[in-house]
Amino acid sequence: GTVRDALGGCDELIQGMALLVAGQLMGEALVAVTGLPVPGSVVGMVLVLLALLAKKGHLPELRRAGSTMLLLVPLLLVPVSVGIMEQADLLQANWWPLTVALLVSIVAGMVATGLTIRWLRRFDGKQAGDV
């Protein structure tokens, strides 16, 4: 095949990335105009979520962009790992409060994720127990 076949729908990926960037830019603009005390990128992703809900989740270009970005997430862990190694003495001195903070945040994140999945399942016809 062609280069386009090898890239597996590069146009769709670029369109999805453009939608994500447009959402972020709209969020940044909305925050700048209204003075909302929320980061513009968060507002932008809420706008993207609203677009997905309006289209009943049918934006395949966003799915393609999201899938591609998920493949790149491990790259974001490299700087974090280096930072942890550089701050080993400080982390060792404060291990107890850090452990408590991590446990609380992990549990809160798990609860928030579970509730979000349960809420989103209503839109695709699956029951919460099917997850």
N, C-alpha and C. Protein backbone atom coordinates (compact mmCIF):
# COMPACT_ATOMS: atom_id res chain seq x y z
N GLY A 1 0.71 -1.17 0.00
CA GLY A 1 0.00 0.00 0.00
C GLY A 1 0.78 1.28 0.00
N THR A 2 0.03 2.26 0.33
CA THR A 2 0.55 3.63 0.31
C THR A 2 0.97 4.05 1.71
N VAL A 3 1.57 5.22 1.76
CA VAL A 3 1.96 5.78 3.06
C VAL A 3 0.72 6.02 3.92
N ARG A 4 -0.36 6.46 3.27
CA ARG A 4 -1.60 6.71 4.01
C ARG A 4 -2.11 5.43 4.65
N ASP A 5 -2.01 4.30 3.96
CA ASP A 5 -2.42 3.02 4.53
C ASP A 5 -1.56 2.67 5.74
N ALA A 6 -0.26 2.95 5.62
CA ALA A 6 0.66 2.63 6.71
C ALA A 6 0.37 3.46 7.94
N LEU A 7 -0.05 4.70 7.76
CA LEU A 7 -0.35 5.56 8.90
C LEU A 7 -1.71 5.26 9.51
N GLY A 8 -2.53 4.53 8.82
CA GLY A 8 -3.80 4.09 9.38
C GLY A 8 -4.77 5.22 9.68
N GLY A 9 -5.06 6.05 8.72
CA GLY A 9 -6.05 7.10 8.93
C GLY A 9 -5.46 8.33 9.58
N CYS A 10 -4.37 8.80 9.05
CA CYS A 10 -3.68 9.96 9.61
C CYS A 10 -4.58 11.19 9.57
N ASP A 11 -5.43 11.31 8.53
CA ASP A 11 -6.34 12.45 8.44
C ASP A 11 -7.27 12.49 9.64
N GLU A 12 -7.77 11.33 10.01
CA GLU A 12 -8.67 11.25 11.16
C GLU A 12 -7.95 11.65 12.45
N LEU A 13 -6.70 11.21 12.59
CA LEU A 13 -5.90 11.56 13.76
C LEU A 13 -5.68 13.06 13.83
N ILE A 14 -5.33 13.67 12.70
CA ILE A 14 -5.09 15.12 12.67
C ILE A 14 -6.37 15.88 12.98
N GLN A 15 -7.49 15.41 12.45
CA GLN A 15 -8.77 16.07 12.73
C GLN A 15 -9.11 15.97 14.22
N GLY A 16 -8.87 14.80 14.81
CA GLY A 16 -9.15 14.63 16.24
C GLY A 16 -8.27 15.52 17.09
N MET A 17 -6.98 15.59 16.75
CA MET A 17 -6.07 16.46 17.50
C MET A 17 -6.49 17.92 17.34
N ALA A 18 -6.91 18.29 16.13
CA ALA A 18 -7.37 19.66 15.89
C ALA A 18 -8.60 19.97 16.74
N LEU A 19 -9.51 19.01 16.86
CA LEU A 19 -10.70 19.21 17.71
C LEU A 19 -10.30 19.39 19.18
N LEU A 20 -9.35 18.59 19.64
CA LEU A 20 -8.90 18.73 21.02
C LEU A 20 -8.24 20.08 21.26
N VAL A 21 -7.40 20.51 20.34
CA VAL A 21 -6.73 21.81 20.47
C VAL A 21 -7.76 22.94 20.39
N ALA A 22 -8.73 22.82 19.48
CA ALA A 22 -9.78 23.83 19.37
C ALA A 22 -10.58 23.92 20.67
N GLY A 23 -10.87 22.77 21.26
CA GLY A 23 -11.58 22.77 22.54
C GLY A 23 -10.77 23.48 23.61
N GLN A 24 -9.48 23.21 23.66
CA GLN A 24 -8.63 23.87 24.65
C GLN A 24 -8.57 25.37 24.41
N LEU A 25 -8.43 25.77 23.16
CA LEU A 25 -8.37 27.21 22.85
C LEU A 25 -9.69 27.91 23.21
N MET A 26 -10.82 27.25 22.94
CA MET A 26 -12.10 27.84 23.32
C MET A 26 -12.22 27.94 24.83
N GLY A 27 -11.73 26.93 25.53
CA GLY A 27 -11.74 26.98 26.99
C GLY A 27 -10.88 28.11 27.52
N GLU A 28 -9.68 28.27 26.95
CA GLU A 28 -8.79 29.36 27.35
C GLU A 28 -9.45 30.71 27.09
N ALA A 29 -10.09 30.85 25.95
CA ALA A 29 -10.76 32.11 25.61
C ALA A 29 -11.92 32.38 26.57
N LEU A 30 -12.68 31.34 26.88
CA LEU A 30 -13.81 31.50 27.79
C LEU A 30 -13.35 31.93 29.17
N VAL A 31 -12.26 31.34 29.64
CA VAL A 31 -11.72 31.71 30.95
C VAL A 31 -11.19 33.15 30.92
N ALA A 32 -10.53 33.53 29.82
CA ALA A 32 -10.00 34.89 29.70
C ALA A 32 -11.12 35.93 29.70
N VAL A 33 -12.23 35.60 29.04
CA VAL A 33 -13.34 36.55 28.93
C VAL A 33 -14.15 36.62 30.22
N THR A 34 -14.40 35.47 30.83
CA THR A 34 -15.27 35.42 32.00
C THR A 34 -14.53 35.52 33.32
N GLY A 35 -13.24 35.21 33.33
CA GLY A 35 -12.49 35.24 34.58
C GLY A 35 -12.80 34.06 35.49
N LEU A 36 -13.28 32.97 34.92
CA LEU A 36 -13.57 31.77 35.71
C LEU A 36 -12.31 31.31 36.45
N PRO A 37 -12.45 30.85 37.70
CA PRO A 37 -11.28 30.39 38.45
C PRO A 37 -10.92 28.93 38.17
N VAL A 38 -10.99 28.55 36.91
CA VAL A 38 -10.73 27.17 36.48
C VAL A 38 -9.74 27.25 35.32
N PRO A 39 -8.78 26.33 35.25
CA PRO A 39 -7.86 26.35 34.10
C PRO A 39 -8.61 26.24 32.78
N GLY A 40 -8.13 26.98 31.80
CA GLY A 40 -8.77 26.97 30.48
C GLY A 40 -8.78 25.61 29.83
N SER A 41 -7.74 24.82 30.08
CA SER A 41 -7.70 23.48 29.48
C SER A 41 -8.79 22.59 30.04
N VAL A 42 -9.12 22.77 31.31
CA VAL A 42 -10.21 21.99 31.92
C VAL A 42 -11.54 22.40 31.31
N VAL A 43 -11.76 23.70 31.17
CA VAL A 43 -12.99 24.19 30.54
C VAL A 43 -13.07 23.67 29.11
N GLY A 44 -11.94 23.68 28.40
CA GLY A 44 -11.92 23.18 27.03
C GLY A 44 -12.29 21.72 26.94
N MET A 45 -11.79 20.91 27.86
CA MET A 45 -12.12 19.49 27.81
C MET A 45 -13.59 19.26 28.18
N VAL A 46 -14.15 20.12 29.03
CA VAL A 46 -15.59 20.03 29.31
C VAL A 46 -16.37 20.37 28.04
N LEU A 47 -15.90 21.35 27.29
CA LEU A 47 -16.55 21.67 26.01
C LEU A 47 -16.47 20.49 25.03
N VAL A 48 -15.32 19.82 24.99
CA VAL A 48 -15.18 18.64 24.14
C VAL A 48 -16.13 17.54 24.61
N LEU A 49 -16.24 17.36 25.92
CA LEU A 49 -17.18 16.37 26.47
C LEU A 49 -18.61 16.71 26.06
N LEU A 50 -18.97 17.98 26.14
CA LEU A 50 -20.32 18.39 25.73
C LEU A 50 -20.54 18.11 24.24
N ALA A 51 -19.52 18.33 23.43
CA ALA A 51 -19.64 18.01 22.00
C ALA A 51 -19.84 16.51 21.80
N LEU A 52 -19.12 15.71 22.57
CA LEU A 52 -19.29 14.25 22.48
C LEU A 52 -20.70 13.84 22.90
N LEU A 53 -21.19 14.43 23.97
CA LEU A 53 -22.54 14.11 24.43
C LEU A 53 -23.58 14.53 23.39
N ALA A 54 -23.37 15.69 22.77
CA ALA A 54 -24.30 16.17 21.75
C ALA A 54 -24.31 15.23 20.54
N LYS A 55 -23.17 14.66 20.21
CA LYS A 55 -23.06 13.74 19.08
C LYS A 55 -23.27 12.29 19.51
N LYS A 56 -23.68 12.10 20.76
CA LYS A 56 -23.90 10.76 21.33
C LYS A 56 -22.66 9.89 21.18
N GLY A 57 -21.49 10.50 21.40
CA GLY A 57 -20.24 9.77 21.37
C GLY A 57 -19.73 9.43 19.99
N HIS A 58 -20.40 9.94 18.96
CA HIS A 58 -20.01 9.57 17.59
C HIS A 58 -19.08 10.63 17.00
N LEU A 59 -17.86 10.64 17.46
CA LEU A 59 -16.80 11.45 16.88
C LEU A 59 -15.57 10.56 16.75
N PRO A 60 -15.51 9.74 15.70
CA PRO A 60 -14.43 8.77 15.58
C PRO A 60 -13.04 9.40 15.53
N GLU A 61 -12.96 10.64 15.05
CA GLU A 61 -11.66 11.29 15.01
C GLU A 61 -11.13 11.56 16.42
N LEU A 62 -12.03 11.85 17.36
CA LEU A 62 -11.60 12.03 18.75
C LEU A 62 -11.17 10.70 19.35
N ARG A 63 -11.85 9.63 19.00
CA ARG A 63 -11.47 8.31 19.49
C ARG A 63 -10.07 7.97 19.00
N ARG A 64 -9.80 8.24 17.73
CA ARG A 64 -8.48 7.95 17.15
C ARG A 64 -7.39 8.78 17.83
N ALA A 65 -7.65 10.07 18.03
CA ALA A 65 -6.67 10.95 18.67
C ALA A 65 -6.44 10.51 20.11
N GLY A 66 -7.51 10.18 20.82
CA GLY A 66 -7.38 9.75 22.21
C GLY A 66 -6.61 8.45 22.33
N SER A 67 -6.89 7.51 21.44
CA SER A 67 -6.17 6.23 21.47
C SER A 67 -4.69 6.42 21.21
N THR A 68 -4.38 7.29 20.26
CA THR A 68 -2.97 7.56 19.96
C THR A 68 -2.28 8.23 21.14
N MET A 69 -2.95 9.18 21.76
CA MET A 69 -2.36 9.88 22.90
C MET A 69 -2.16 8.93 24.09
N LEU A 70 -3.07 7.98 24.27
CA LEU A 70 -2.92 7.01 25.36
C LEU A 70 -1.67 6.16 25.17
N LEU A 71 -1.31 5.89 23.93
CA LEU A 71 -0.10 5.12 23.66
C LEU A 71 1.16 5.89 24.09
N LEU A 72 1.06 7.21 24.14
CA LEU A 72 2.21 8.05 24.47
C LEU A 72 2.33 8.39 25.96
N VAL A 73 1.33 8.03 26.75
CA VAL A 73 1.34 8.35 28.18
C VAL A 73 2.59 7.84 28.90
N PRO A 74 3.09 6.64 28.62
CA PRO A 74 4.30 6.20 29.33
C PRO A 74 5.48 7.15 29.19
N LEU A 75 5.55 7.88 28.08
CA LEU A 75 6.64 8.84 27.91
C LEU A 75 6.59 9.95 28.96
N LEU A 76 5.40 10.23 29.47
CA LEU A 76 5.27 11.28 30.49
C LEU A 76 5.80 10.83 31.84
N LEU A 77 6.00 9.54 32.02
CA LEU A 77 6.49 9.03 33.30
C LEU A 77 8.00 9.15 33.45
N VAL A 78 8.72 9.34 32.37
CA VAL A 78 10.17 9.45 32.45
C VAL A 78 10.60 10.66 33.27
N PRO A 79 10.11 11.88 33.00
CA PRO A 79 10.52 13.02 33.83
C PRO A 79 10.12 12.86 35.30
N VAL A 80 8.97 12.25 35.55
CA VAL A 80 8.54 12.02 36.92
C VAL A 80 9.51 11.09 37.64
N SER A 81 9.91 10.05 36.97
CA SER A 81 10.86 9.10 37.57
C SER A 81 12.19 9.76 37.88
N VAL A 82 12.67 10.59 36.98
CA VAL A 82 13.92 11.29 37.23
C VAL A 82 13.77 12.25 38.41
N GLY A 83 12.66 12.94 38.49
CA GLY A 83 12.41 13.85 39.60
C GLY A 83 12.36 13.12 40.93
N ILE A 84 11.76 11.96 40.96
CA ILE A 84 11.70 11.17 42.19
C ILE A 84 13.10 10.76 42.62
N MET A 85 13.91 10.35 41.67
CA MET A 85 15.27 9.94 42.01
C MET A 85 16.10 11.12 42.52
N GLU A 86 15.87 12.30 41.96
CA GLU A 86 16.61 13.48 42.40
C GLU A 86 16.20 13.94 43.80
N GLN A 87 14.96 13.67 44.18
CA GLN A 87 14.44 14.12 45.47
C GLN A 87 14.34 12.99 46.48
N ALA A 88 15.12 11.95 46.33
CA ALA A 88 15.02 10.77 47.20
C ALA A 88 15.20 11.13 48.67
N ASP A 89 16.15 11.99 49.01
CA ASP A 89 16.38 12.36 50.41
C ASP A 89 15.16 13.07 51.01
N LEU A 90 14.60 14.00 50.27
CA LEU A 90 13.42 14.73 50.74
C LEU A 90 12.23 13.79 50.90
N LEU A 91 12.05 12.88 49.97
CA LEU A 91 10.96 11.91 50.04
C LEU A 91 11.14 10.97 51.23
N GLN A 92 12.35 10.57 51.48
CA GLN A 92 12.62 9.68 52.61
C GLN A 92 12.34 10.37 53.93
N ALA A 93 12.65 11.65 54.03
CA ALA A 93 12.42 12.40 55.26
C ALA A 93 10.93 12.63 55.52
N ASN A 94 10.12 12.64 54.50
CA ASN A 94 8.68 12.95 54.64
C ASN A 94 7.81 11.80 54.17
N TRP A 95 8.23 10.58 54.39
CA TRP A 95 7.52 9.44 53.83
C TRP A 95 6.12 9.26 54.42
N TRP A 96 5.92 9.54 55.71
CA TRP A 96 4.62 9.31 56.34
C TRP A 96 3.52 10.22 55.76
N PRO A 97 3.69 11.56 55.74
CA PRO A 97 2.62 12.39 55.16
C PRO A 97 2.42 12.12 53.66
N LEU A 98 3.48 11.80 52.97
CA LEU A 98 3.35 11.49 51.55
C LEU A 98 2.55 10.21 51.33
N THR A 99 2.78 9.21 52.17
CA THR A 99 2.05 7.95 52.05
C THR A 99 0.56 8.17 52.30
N VAL A 100 0.24 8.94 53.34
CA VAL A 100 -1.17 9.23 53.64
C VAL A 100 -1.81 10.00 52.48
N ALA A 101 -1.11 11.01 51.97
CA ALA A 101 -1.64 11.80 50.86
C ALA A 101 -1.87 10.93 49.62
N LEU A 102 -0.93 10.04 49.33
CA LEU A 102 -1.07 9.16 48.18
C LEU A 102 -2.26 8.21 48.34
N LEU A 103 -2.40 7.63 49.52
CA LEU A 103 -3.51 6.69 49.75
C LEU A 103 -4.86 7.40 49.62
N VAL A 104 -4.98 8.58 50.21
CA VAL A 104 -6.24 9.33 50.12
C VAL A 104 -6.53 9.69 48.66
N SER A 105 -5.52 10.16 47.93
CA SER A 105 -5.75 10.56 46.55
C SER A 105 -6.06 9.36 45.66
N ILE A 106 -5.44 8.22 45.92
CA ILE A 106 -5.73 7.01 45.12
C ILE A 106 -7.16 6.56 45.34
N VAL A 107 -7.59 6.53 46.59
CA VAL A 107 -8.97 6.11 46.89
C VAL A 107 -9.96 7.10 46.29
N ALA A 108 -9.69 8.40 46.43
CA ALA A 108 -10.59 9.41 45.85
C ALA A 108 -10.64 9.28 44.34
N GLY A 109 -9.50 9.04 43.71
CA GLY A 109 -9.46 8.87 42.26
C GLY A 109 -10.23 7.64 41.80
N MET A 110 -10.11 6.55 42.55
CA MET A 110 -10.83 5.33 42.20
C MET A 110 -12.34 5.52 42.33
N VAL A 111 -12.76 6.18 43.40
CA VAL A 111 -14.19 6.44 43.60
C VAL A 111 -14.71 7.35 42.49
N ALA A 112 -13.98 8.43 42.19
CA ALA A 112 -14.41 9.35 41.13
C ALA A 112 -14.47 8.65 39.78
N THR A 113 -13.50 7.80 39.49
CA THR A 113 -13.49 7.06 38.22
C THR A 113 -14.68 6.11 38.15
N GLY A 114 -14.92 5.38 39.22
CA GLY A 114 -16.05 4.45 39.23
C GLY A 114 -17.38 5.16 39.05
N LEU A 115 -17.57 6.27 39.74
CA LEU A 115 -18.82 7.03 39.60
C LEU A 115 -18.96 7.62 38.21
N THR A 116 -17.86 8.08 37.63
CA THR A 116 -17.89 8.64 36.28
C THR A 116 -18.25 7.57 35.26
N ILE A 117 -17.64 6.38 35.39
CA ILE A 117 -17.96 5.28 34.47
C ILE A 117 -19.42 4.89 34.61
N ARG A 118 -19.92 4.81 35.82
CA ARG A 118 -21.32 4.45 36.03
C ARG A 118 -22.23 5.49 35.37
N TRP A 119 -21.87 6.77 35.52
CA TRP A 119 -22.68 7.84 34.93
C TRP A 119 -22.61 7.78 33.40
N LEU A 120 -21.42 7.57 32.83
CA LEU A 120 -21.27 7.55 31.38
C LEU A 120 -21.92 6.32 30.74
N ARG A 121 -21.99 5.23 31.46
CA ARG A 121 -22.60 4.00 30.91
C ARG A 121 -24.06 4.22 30.57
N ARG A 122 -24.70 5.20 31.21
CA ARG A 122 -26.11 5.47 30.89
C ARG A 122 -26.28 5.90 29.44
N PHE A 123 -25.23 6.49 28.86
CA PHE A 123 -25.33 7.03 27.51
C PHE A 123 -25.09 6.00 26.43
N ASP A 124 -24.45 4.86 26.77
CA ASP A 124 -24.23 3.86 25.73
C ASP A 124 -25.06 2.61 25.92
N GLY A 125 -26.01 2.65 26.83
CA GLY A 125 -26.96 1.56 26.99
C GLY A 125 -26.48 0.39 27.81
N LYS A 126 -25.28 0.43 28.35
CA LYS A 126 -24.78 -0.66 29.17
C LYS A 126 -25.06 -0.39 30.64
N GLN A 127 -25.19 -1.42 31.40
CA GLN A 127 -25.42 -1.29 32.82
C GLN A 127 -24.10 -1.09 33.55
N ALA A 128 -24.13 -0.48 34.71
CA ALA A 128 -22.91 -0.23 35.48
C ALA A 128 -22.21 -1.52 35.86
N GLY A 129 -22.95 -2.61 36.02
CA GLY A 129 -22.35 -3.88 36.39
C GLY A 129 -21.62 -4.57 35.25
N ASP A 130 -21.80 -4.06 34.02
CA ASP A 130 -21.15 -4.66 32.85
C ASP A 130 -19.70 -4.25 32.70
N VAL A 131 -19.23 -3.31 33.49
CA VAL A 131 -17.89 -2.74 33.32
C VAL A 131 -16.85 -3.73 33.56
